[in-house]
Amino acid sequence: MTQARHTSDVEKTRLFDALAYAGVLPFVIGIVMQATGVELVGVGGRLWFTAYSAVILSFLCGIWWGGALNRVGHRHRIALALLSNLACVGGWGALMLYRTPWSLPILMLGFAFVVTAEARLNPNLPRLYDYFRTRTRVTYLVITCHLIMIVTILFTD
């Protein structure tokens, strides 16, 4: 069965995998900015991190939205559409609360929700298995970055 994943109908994901891992870099930059007190174009590490987190969470939700639009026969189509909107609005709300202690835990829970829901709702095409395995790993890195940022804020604010 694993041999079937290596046939020509399997999507090549090297570029997408590389972009997924590269997407962790802005989180790390935000942590370093917060730890050192550096601002870039007048934006501090906390806002940098929180805004990027909300954007990436919305991006992940957009993938669900696209999947719901394009996979009419998917048994969880309605759930994907509704949950993508719920998580996206939650991310926006967390961004609005970026000066409070609630913002980063809300965003972190949003990422945990996405990775958990993807495992249960299976919104992805089977041929994209390798990419979504990478994305799951990256999501765990992002959750770890959120924990590090929370600790960093506790020591710098």
N, C-alpha and C. Protein backbone atom coordinates (compact mmCIF):
# COMPACT_ATOMS: atom_id res chain seq x y z
N MET A 1 0.81 -1.20 0.00
CA MET A 1 0.00 0.00 0.00
C MET A 1 0.85 1.26 0.00
N THR A 2 1.97 1.26 0.72
CA THR A 2 2.80 2.45 0.71
C THR A 2 3.43 2.69 -0.64
N GLN A 3 3.54 1.61 -1.43
CA GLN A 3 4.10 1.76 -2.75
C GLN A 3 3.19 2.64 -3.63
N ALA A 4 1.89 2.57 -3.42
CA ALA A 4 0.95 3.37 -4.21
C ALA A 4 1.18 4.86 -4.00
N ARG A 5 1.68 5.24 -2.83
CA ARG A 5 1.93 6.65 -2.57
C ARG A 5 3.06 7.20 -3.41
N HIS A 6 3.85 6.34 -4.01
CA HIS A 6 5.00 6.79 -4.78
C HIS A 6 4.76 6.73 -6.29
N THR A 7 3.52 6.55 -6.69
CA THR A 7 3.22 6.53 -8.11
C THR A 7 3.08 7.94 -8.64
N SER A 8 2.95 8.07 -9.95
CA SER A 8 2.94 9.39 -10.56
C SER A 8 1.72 10.23 -10.20
N ASP A 9 0.64 9.61 -9.68
CA ASP A 9 -0.53 10.41 -9.30
C ASP A 9 -0.38 11.05 -7.92
N VAL A 10 0.69 10.75 -7.22
CA VAL A 10 0.93 11.34 -5.91
C VAL A 10 1.55 12.73 -6.12
N GLU A 11 0.96 13.67 -5.45
CA GLU A 11 1.41 15.06 -5.54
C GLU A 11 2.83 15.20 -4.99
N LYS A 12 3.71 15.85 -5.71
CA LYS A 12 5.05 16.15 -5.21
C LYS A 12 4.93 17.33 -4.26
N THR A 13 5.48 17.18 -3.07
CA THR A 13 5.25 18.22 -2.06
C THR A 13 6.53 18.85 -1.52
N ARG A 14 7.67 18.63 -2.13
CA ARG A 14 8.91 19.17 -1.57
C ARG A 14 8.84 20.68 -1.39
N LEU A 15 8.37 21.41 -2.40
CA LEU A 15 8.27 22.87 -2.28
C LEU A 15 7.32 23.25 -1.15
N PHE A 16 6.18 22.61 -1.08
CA PHE A 16 5.19 22.93 -0.06
C PHE A 16 5.69 22.56 1.33
N ASP A 17 6.41 21.45 1.43
CA ASP A 17 7.00 21.07 2.71
C ASP A 17 8.02 22.11 3.16
N ALA A 18 8.88 22.54 2.22
CA ALA A 18 9.90 23.55 2.54
C ALA A 18 9.24 24.85 2.98
N LEU A 19 8.18 25.25 2.28
CA LEU A 19 7.47 26.48 2.66
C LEU A 19 6.81 26.34 4.04
N ALA A 20 6.30 25.15 4.34
CA ALA A 20 5.67 24.93 5.64
C ALA A 20 6.69 25.09 6.76
N TYR A 21 7.87 24.50 6.60
CA TYR A 21 8.90 24.64 7.63
C TYR A 21 9.43 26.07 7.68
N ALA A 22 9.58 26.71 6.53
CA ALA A 22 10.03 28.11 6.50
C ALA A 22 9.03 29.02 7.19
N GLY A 23 7.77 28.62 7.19
CA GLY A 23 6.73 29.41 7.84
C GLY A 23 6.88 29.50 9.35
N VAL A 24 7.73 28.67 9.93
CA VAL A 24 7.98 28.74 11.37
C VAL A 24 8.92 29.90 11.69
N LEU A 25 9.73 30.30 10.74
CA LEU A 25 10.74 31.35 10.96
C LEU A 25 10.15 32.66 11.50
N PRO A 26 9.06 33.20 10.95
CA PRO A 26 8.50 34.43 11.53
C PRO A 26 8.08 34.28 13.00
N PHE A 27 7.66 33.08 13.40
CA PHE A 27 7.36 32.86 14.81
C PHE A 27 8.63 33.00 15.65
N VAL A 28 9.71 32.40 15.18
CA VAL A 28 10.99 32.48 15.89
C VAL A 28 11.48 33.92 15.94
N ILE A 29 11.33 34.64 14.84
CA ILE A 29 11.73 36.06 14.81
C ILE A 29 10.95 36.85 15.85
N GLY A 30 9.65 36.59 15.95
CA GLY A 30 8.82 37.27 16.95
C GLY A 30 9.29 36.98 18.37
N ILE A 31 9.66 35.73 18.63
CA ILE A 31 10.16 35.37 19.96
C ILE A 31 11.45 36.12 20.26
N VAL A 32 12.36 36.13 19.29
CA VAL A 32 13.64 36.83 19.48
C VAL A 32 13.41 38.33 19.67
N MET A 33 12.51 38.90 18.88
CA MET A 33 12.19 40.33 19.03
C MET A 33 11.68 40.62 20.44
N GLN A 34 10.78 39.76 20.93
CA GLN A 34 10.23 39.96 22.27
C GLN A 34 11.31 39.82 23.33
N ALA A 35 12.16 38.83 23.16
CA ALA A 35 13.21 38.57 24.16
C ALA A 35 14.25 39.69 24.21
N THR A 36 14.49 40.33 23.06
CA THR A 36 15.54 41.36 23.00
C THR A 36 14.99 42.77 23.04
N GLY A 37 13.67 42.92 22.93
CA GLY A 37 13.07 44.26 22.92
C GLY A 37 13.22 44.98 21.59
N VAL A 38 13.62 44.28 20.55
CA VAL A 38 13.80 44.87 19.22
C VAL A 38 12.43 45.07 18.56
N GLU A 39 12.30 46.18 17.87
CA GLU A 39 11.10 46.44 17.06
C GLU A 39 11.52 46.53 15.60
N LEU A 40 10.64 46.06 14.73
CA LEU A 40 10.83 46.20 13.29
C LEU A 40 9.69 47.04 12.75
N VAL A 41 10.03 48.11 12.07
CA VAL A 41 9.07 49.10 11.55
C VAL A 41 8.02 49.47 12.61
N GLY A 42 8.49 49.67 13.83
CA GLY A 42 7.62 50.09 14.91
C GLY A 42 6.75 49.00 15.51
N VAL A 43 6.98 47.75 15.13
CA VAL A 43 6.18 46.64 15.64
C VAL A 43 7.04 45.80 16.57
N GLY A 44 6.55 45.58 17.79
CA GLY A 44 7.26 44.76 18.76
C GLY A 44 7.02 43.28 18.53
N GLY A 45 7.77 42.47 19.25
CA GLY A 45 7.71 41.03 19.09
C GLY A 45 6.35 40.42 19.38
N ARG A 46 5.68 40.95 20.39
CA ARG A 46 4.37 40.39 20.75
C ARG A 46 3.35 40.56 19.62
N LEU A 47 3.26 41.79 19.09
CA LEU A 47 2.31 42.02 18.00
C LEU A 47 2.74 41.28 16.74
N TRP A 48 4.05 41.29 16.45
CA TRP A 48 4.57 40.56 15.28
C TRP A 48 4.11 39.10 15.34
N PHE A 49 4.37 38.47 16.47
CA PHE A 49 4.05 37.06 16.66
C PHE A 49 2.54 36.81 16.58
N THR A 50 1.78 37.63 17.30
CA THR A 50 0.33 37.44 17.36
C THR A 50 -0.33 37.65 16.00
N ALA A 51 0.08 38.69 15.30
CA ALA A 51 -0.52 38.96 13.98
C ALA A 51 -0.17 37.85 13.00
N TYR A 52 1.08 37.42 13.00
CA TYR A 52 1.47 36.34 12.10
C TYR A 52 0.72 35.05 12.45
N SER A 53 0.57 34.77 13.73
CA SER A 53 -0.16 33.59 14.17
C SER A 53 -1.60 33.62 13.68
N ALA A 54 -2.26 34.76 13.83
CA ALA A 54 -3.65 34.88 13.38
C ALA A 54 -3.76 34.70 11.86
N VAL A 55 -2.80 35.24 11.14
CA VAL A 55 -2.81 35.10 9.67
C VAL A 55 -2.62 33.65 9.28
N ILE A 56 -1.68 32.96 9.88
CA ILE A 56 -1.42 31.56 9.54
C ILE A 56 -2.59 30.68 9.93
N LEU A 57 -3.19 30.93 11.08
CA LEU A 57 -4.38 30.17 11.48
C LEU A 57 -5.49 30.37 10.45
N SER A 58 -5.67 31.60 10.00
CA SER A 58 -6.68 31.89 8.97
C SER A 58 -6.34 31.19 7.66
N PHE A 59 -5.07 31.15 7.32
CA PHE A 59 -4.63 30.46 6.11
C PHE A 59 -4.99 28.97 6.19
N LEU A 60 -4.71 28.35 7.32
CA LEU A 60 -5.05 26.94 7.48
C LEU A 60 -6.56 26.72 7.36
N CYS A 61 -7.32 27.64 7.92
CA CYS A 61 -8.78 27.55 7.81
C CYS A 61 -9.23 27.74 6.37
N GLY A 62 -8.54 28.58 5.63
CA GLY A 62 -8.85 28.78 4.22
C GLY A 62 -8.66 27.51 3.41
N ILE A 63 -7.70 26.69 3.82
CA ILE A 63 -7.50 25.41 3.13
C ILE A 63 -8.72 24.51 3.36
N TRP A 64 -9.26 24.52 4.56
CA TRP A 64 -10.49 23.76 4.82
C TRP A 64 -11.64 24.30 3.99
N TRP A 65 -11.75 25.62 3.93
CA TRP A 65 -12.82 26.26 3.17
C TRP A 65 -12.73 25.83 1.71
N GLY A 66 -11.53 25.90 1.16
CA GLY A 66 -11.32 25.47 -0.23
C GLY A 66 -11.66 24.01 -0.42
N GLY A 67 -11.26 23.18 0.55
CA GLY A 67 -11.60 21.77 0.46
C GLY A 67 -13.10 21.54 0.49
N ALA A 68 -13.80 22.29 1.33
CA ALA A 68 -15.26 22.15 1.41
C ALA A 68 -15.91 22.59 0.09
N LEU A 69 -15.37 23.62 -0.54
CA LEU A 69 -15.92 24.08 -1.81
C LEU A 69 -15.66 23.08 -2.94
N ASN A 70 -14.48 22.49 -2.93
CA ASN A 70 -14.06 21.66 -4.05
C ASN A 70 -14.37 20.18 -3.91
N ARG A 71 -14.73 19.75 -2.72
CA ARG A 71 -15.02 18.32 -2.51
C ARG A 71 -16.49 18.17 -2.10
N VAL A 72 -17.35 18.33 -3.07
CA VAL A 72 -18.80 18.35 -2.83
C VAL A 72 -19.28 17.08 -2.13
N GLY A 73 -18.69 15.96 -2.44
CA GLY A 73 -19.14 14.70 -1.86
C GLY A 73 -18.51 14.35 -0.52
N HIS A 74 -17.67 15.22 0.03
CA HIS A 74 -17.01 14.91 1.30
C HIS A 74 -18.04 14.85 2.42
N ARG A 75 -17.98 13.80 3.22
CA ARG A 75 -19.01 13.60 4.25
C ARG A 75 -18.99 14.64 5.36
N HIS A 76 -17.87 15.36 5.52
CA HIS A 76 -17.78 16.39 6.55
C HIS A 76 -17.74 17.79 5.94
N ARG A 77 -18.26 17.94 4.76
CA ARG A 77 -18.16 19.21 4.03
C ARG A 77 -18.72 20.39 4.82
N ILE A 78 -19.91 20.25 5.35
CA ILE A 78 -20.55 21.35 6.11
C ILE A 78 -19.76 21.64 7.38
N ALA A 79 -19.32 20.60 8.07
CA ALA A 79 -18.53 20.80 9.28
C ALA A 79 -17.24 21.55 8.96
N LEU A 80 -16.59 21.19 7.86
CA LEU A 80 -15.35 21.88 7.48
C LEU A 80 -15.60 23.35 7.20
N ALA A 81 -16.68 23.65 6.50
CA ALA A 81 -16.99 25.05 6.18
C ALA A 81 -17.28 25.84 7.46
N LEU A 82 -18.08 25.28 8.34
CA LEU A 82 -18.45 26.00 9.57
C LEU A 82 -17.28 26.11 10.54
N LEU A 83 -16.55 25.02 10.72
CA LEU A 83 -15.43 25.04 11.65
C LEU A 83 -14.29 25.92 11.16
N SER A 84 -14.12 25.99 9.85
CA SER A 84 -13.07 26.88 9.32
C SER A 84 -13.40 28.33 9.66
N ASN A 85 -14.65 28.69 9.56
CA ASN A 85 -15.07 30.05 9.91
C ASN A 85 -14.94 30.31 11.40
N LEU A 86 -15.30 29.34 12.20
CA LEU A 86 -15.20 29.49 13.66
C LEU A 86 -13.74 29.71 14.08
N ALA A 87 -12.84 28.89 13.57
CA ALA A 87 -11.42 29.02 13.94
C ALA A 87 -10.84 30.32 13.42
N CYS A 88 -11.24 30.72 12.22
CA CYS A 88 -10.73 31.97 11.63
C CYS A 88 -11.19 33.17 12.45
N VAL A 89 -12.44 33.22 12.82
CA VAL A 89 -12.97 34.32 13.63
C VAL A 89 -12.33 34.30 15.03
N GLY A 90 -12.08 33.10 15.55
CA GLY A 90 -11.38 33.00 16.84
C GLY A 90 -9.97 33.58 16.75
N GLY A 91 -9.29 33.32 15.64
CA GLY A 91 -7.97 33.90 15.43
C GLY A 91 -8.01 35.41 15.34
N TRP A 92 -9.01 35.93 14.65
CA TRP A 92 -9.19 37.38 14.56
C TRP A 92 -9.44 37.97 15.94
N GLY A 93 -10.31 37.31 16.70
CA GLY A 93 -10.59 37.79 18.06
C GLY A 93 -9.34 37.80 18.92
N ALA A 94 -8.53 36.76 18.79
CA ALA A 94 -7.28 36.70 19.55
C ALA A 94 -6.34 37.83 19.15
N LEU A 95 -6.32 38.16 17.89
CA LEU A 95 -5.49 39.28 17.42
C LEU A 95 -5.96 40.59 18.06
N MET A 96 -7.26 40.77 18.16
CA MET A 96 -7.80 41.98 18.78
C MET A 96 -7.43 42.05 20.26
N LEU A 97 -7.17 40.91 20.87
CA LEU A 97 -6.83 40.85 22.30
C LEU A 97 -5.32 40.76 22.52
N TYR A 98 -4.51 41.13 21.53
CA TYR A 98 -3.07 40.85 21.59
C TYR A 98 -2.37 41.46 22.81
N ARG A 99 -2.93 42.46 23.42
CA ARG A 99 -2.29 43.06 24.60
C ARG A 99 -2.71 42.35 25.90
N THR A 100 -3.57 41.38 25.79
CA THR A 100 -4.05 40.67 26.99
C THR A 100 -3.34 39.32 27.11
N PRO A 101 -3.44 38.70 28.28
CA PRO A 101 -2.84 37.38 28.43
C PRO A 101 -3.60 36.27 27.70
N TRP A 102 -4.77 36.58 27.14
CA TRP A 102 -5.62 35.55 26.50
C TRP A 102 -5.26 35.30 25.05
N SER A 103 -4.65 36.23 24.42
CA SER A 103 -4.42 36.17 22.97
C SER A 103 -3.65 34.92 22.53
N LEU A 104 -2.48 34.73 23.07
CA LEU A 104 -1.64 33.61 22.62
C LEU A 104 -2.22 32.25 23.01
N PRO A 105 -2.78 32.07 24.20
CA PRO A 105 -3.42 30.78 24.47
C PRO A 105 -4.59 30.49 23.53
N ILE A 106 -5.37 31.52 23.17
CA ILE A 106 -6.47 31.31 22.22
C ILE A 106 -5.92 30.86 20.88
N LEU A 107 -4.88 31.54 20.40
CA LEU A 107 -4.28 31.15 19.12
C LEU A 107 -3.68 29.75 19.19
N MET A 108 -3.00 29.46 20.26
CA MET A 108 -2.41 28.13 20.42
C MET A 108 -3.50 27.06 20.40
N LEU A 109 -4.59 27.32 21.08
CA LEU A 109 -5.71 26.37 21.05
C LEU A 109 -6.31 26.27 19.65
N GLY A 110 -6.29 27.37 18.90
CA GLY A 110 -6.75 27.33 17.52
C GLY A 110 -5.93 26.38 16.68
N PHE A 111 -4.61 26.43 16.83
CA PHE A 111 -3.74 25.51 16.09
C PHE A 111 -3.95 24.07 16.55
N ALA A 112 -4.10 23.87 17.87
CA ALA A 112 -4.36 22.52 18.38
C ALA A 112 -5.69 22.00 17.85
N PHE A 113 -6.68 22.88 17.78
CA PHE A 113 -7.98 22.50 17.23
C PHE A 113 -7.85 22.08 15.76
N VAL A 114 -7.11 22.85 14.98
CA VAL A 114 -6.96 22.54 13.56
C VAL A 114 -6.29 21.18 13.37
N VAL A 115 -5.22 20.93 14.09
CA VAL A 115 -4.51 19.66 13.90
C VAL A 115 -5.36 18.48 14.37
N THR A 116 -6.12 18.67 15.44
CA THR A 116 -6.99 17.61 15.94
C THR A 116 -8.17 17.37 15.00
N ALA A 117 -8.79 18.45 14.55
CA ALA A 117 -9.94 18.32 13.65
C ALA A 117 -9.53 17.72 12.31
N GLU A 118 -8.35 18.07 11.81
CA GLU A 118 -7.89 17.48 10.55
C GLU A 118 -7.74 15.97 10.69
N ALA A 119 -7.28 15.51 11.83
CA ALA A 119 -7.12 14.08 12.05
C ALA A 119 -8.47 13.38 12.10
N ARG A 120 -9.49 14.07 12.60
CA ARG A 120 -10.81 13.45 12.74
C ARG A 120 -11.68 13.61 11.50
N LEU A 121 -11.62 14.77 10.86
CA LEU A 121 -12.52 15.05 9.73
C LEU A 121 -11.92 14.64 8.39
N ASN A 122 -10.62 14.41 8.35
CA ASN A 122 -9.94 13.96 7.15
C ASN A 122 -10.34 14.78 5.91
N PRO A 123 -10.04 16.09 5.93
CA PRO A 123 -10.46 16.94 4.82
C PRO A 123 -9.55 16.86 3.60
N ASN A 124 -8.51 16.07 3.67
CA ASN A 124 -7.47 16.13 2.66
C ASN A 124 -7.55 14.99 1.66
N LEU A 125 -7.13 15.28 0.46
CA LEU A 125 -7.07 14.24 -0.56
C LEU A 125 -5.99 13.23 -0.19
N PRO A 126 -6.22 11.95 -0.37
CA PRO A 126 -5.23 10.93 0.00
C PRO A 126 -3.87 11.15 -0.66
N ARG A 127 -3.86 11.68 -1.85
CA ARG A 127 -2.58 11.87 -2.54
C ARG A 127 -1.74 12.97 -1.90
N LEU A 128 -2.34 13.77 -1.02
CA LEU A 128 -1.61 14.83 -0.34
C LEU A 128 -1.16 14.41 1.06
N TYR A 129 -1.15 13.12 1.31
CA TYR A 129 -0.80 12.59 2.62
C TYR A 129 0.55 13.13 3.11
N ASP A 130 1.56 13.11 2.28
CA ASP A 130 2.90 13.55 2.70
C ASP A 130 2.89 15.01 3.13
N TYR A 131 2.20 15.85 2.36
CA TYR A 131 2.16 17.27 2.72
C TYR A 131 1.46 17.47 4.06
N PHE A 132 0.34 16.83 4.27
CA PHE A 132 -0.40 17.04 5.51
C PHE A 132 0.30 16.40 6.70
N ARG A 133 1.10 15.38 6.48
CA ARG A 133 1.93 14.84 7.56
C ARG A 133 2.95 15.92 7.97
N THR A 134 3.56 16.57 6.98
CA THR A 134 4.50 17.66 7.26
C THR A 134 3.79 18.79 7.98
N ARG A 135 2.61 19.14 7.49
CA ARG A 135 1.88 20.25 8.10
C ARG A 135 1.51 19.95 9.56
N THR A 136 1.22 18.72 9.87
CA THR A 136 0.94 18.33 11.24
C THR A 136 2.18 18.54 12.10
N ARG A 137 3.32 18.11 11.60
CA ARG A 137 4.57 18.30 12.35
C ARG A 137 4.86 19.78 12.56
N VAL A 138 4.66 20.57 11.52
CA VAL A 138 4.90 22.01 11.62
C VAL A 138 3.93 22.64 12.62
N THR A 139 2.70 22.18 12.64
CA THR A 139 1.73 22.72 13.59
C THR A 139 2.18 22.46 15.02
N TYR A 140 2.74 21.30 15.28
CA TYR A 140 3.27 21.05 16.63
C TYR A 140 4.44 21.97 16.94
N LEU A 141 5.27 22.28 15.96
CA LEU A 141 6.35 23.27 16.16
C LEU A 141 5.76 24.64 16.48
N VAL A 142 4.70 25.00 15.78
CA VAL A 142 4.05 26.31 16.00
C VAL A 142 3.45 26.37 17.40
N ILE A 143 2.83 25.30 17.85
CA ILE A 143 2.28 25.27 19.21
C ILE A 143 3.41 25.44 20.23
N THR A 144 4.54 24.78 19.98
CA THR A 144 5.71 24.93 20.85
C THR A 144 6.20 26.38 20.85
N CYS A 145 6.21 27.01 19.68
CA CYS A 145 6.60 28.43 19.61
C CYS A 145 5.66 29.29 20.45
N HIS A 146 4.38 28.97 20.45
CA HIS A 146 3.43 29.73 21.27
C HIS A 146 3.76 29.59 22.76
N LEU A 147 4.08 28.38 23.17
CA LEU A 147 4.45 28.17 24.58
C LEU A 147 5.71 28.96 24.92
N ILE A 148 6.69 28.94 24.04
CA ILE A 148 7.93 29.68 24.27
C ILE A 148 7.64 31.18 24.33
N MET A 149 6.78 31.67 23.44
CA MET A 149 6.46 33.10 23.43
C MET A 149 5.74 33.50 24.71
N ILE A 150 4.84 32.65 25.19
CA ILE A 150 4.13 32.95 26.44
C ILE A 150 5.13 33.08 27.59
N VAL A 151 6.07 32.16 27.68
CA VAL A 151 7.09 32.22 28.72
C VAL A 151 7.97 33.46 28.54
N THR A 152 8.32 33.76 27.29
CA THR A 152 9.15 34.93 27.01
C THR A 152 8.45 36.20 27.45
N ILE A 153 7.16 36.32 27.17
CA ILE A 153 6.39 37.50 27.58
C ILE A 153 6.36 37.60 29.10
N LEU A 154 6.21 36.47 29.79
CA LEU A 154 6.18 36.50 31.24
C LEU A 154 7.47 37.09 31.82
N PHE A 155 8.59 36.87 31.16
CA PHE A 155 9.88 37.35 31.65
C PHE A 155 10.29 38.72 31.10
N THR A 156 9.59 39.21 30.07
CA THR A 156 10.00 40.48 29.48
C THR A 156 9.01 41.61 29.70
N ASP A 157 7.78 41.31 30.01
CA ASP A 157 6.79 42.37 30.23
C ASP A 157 6.74 42.81 31.67
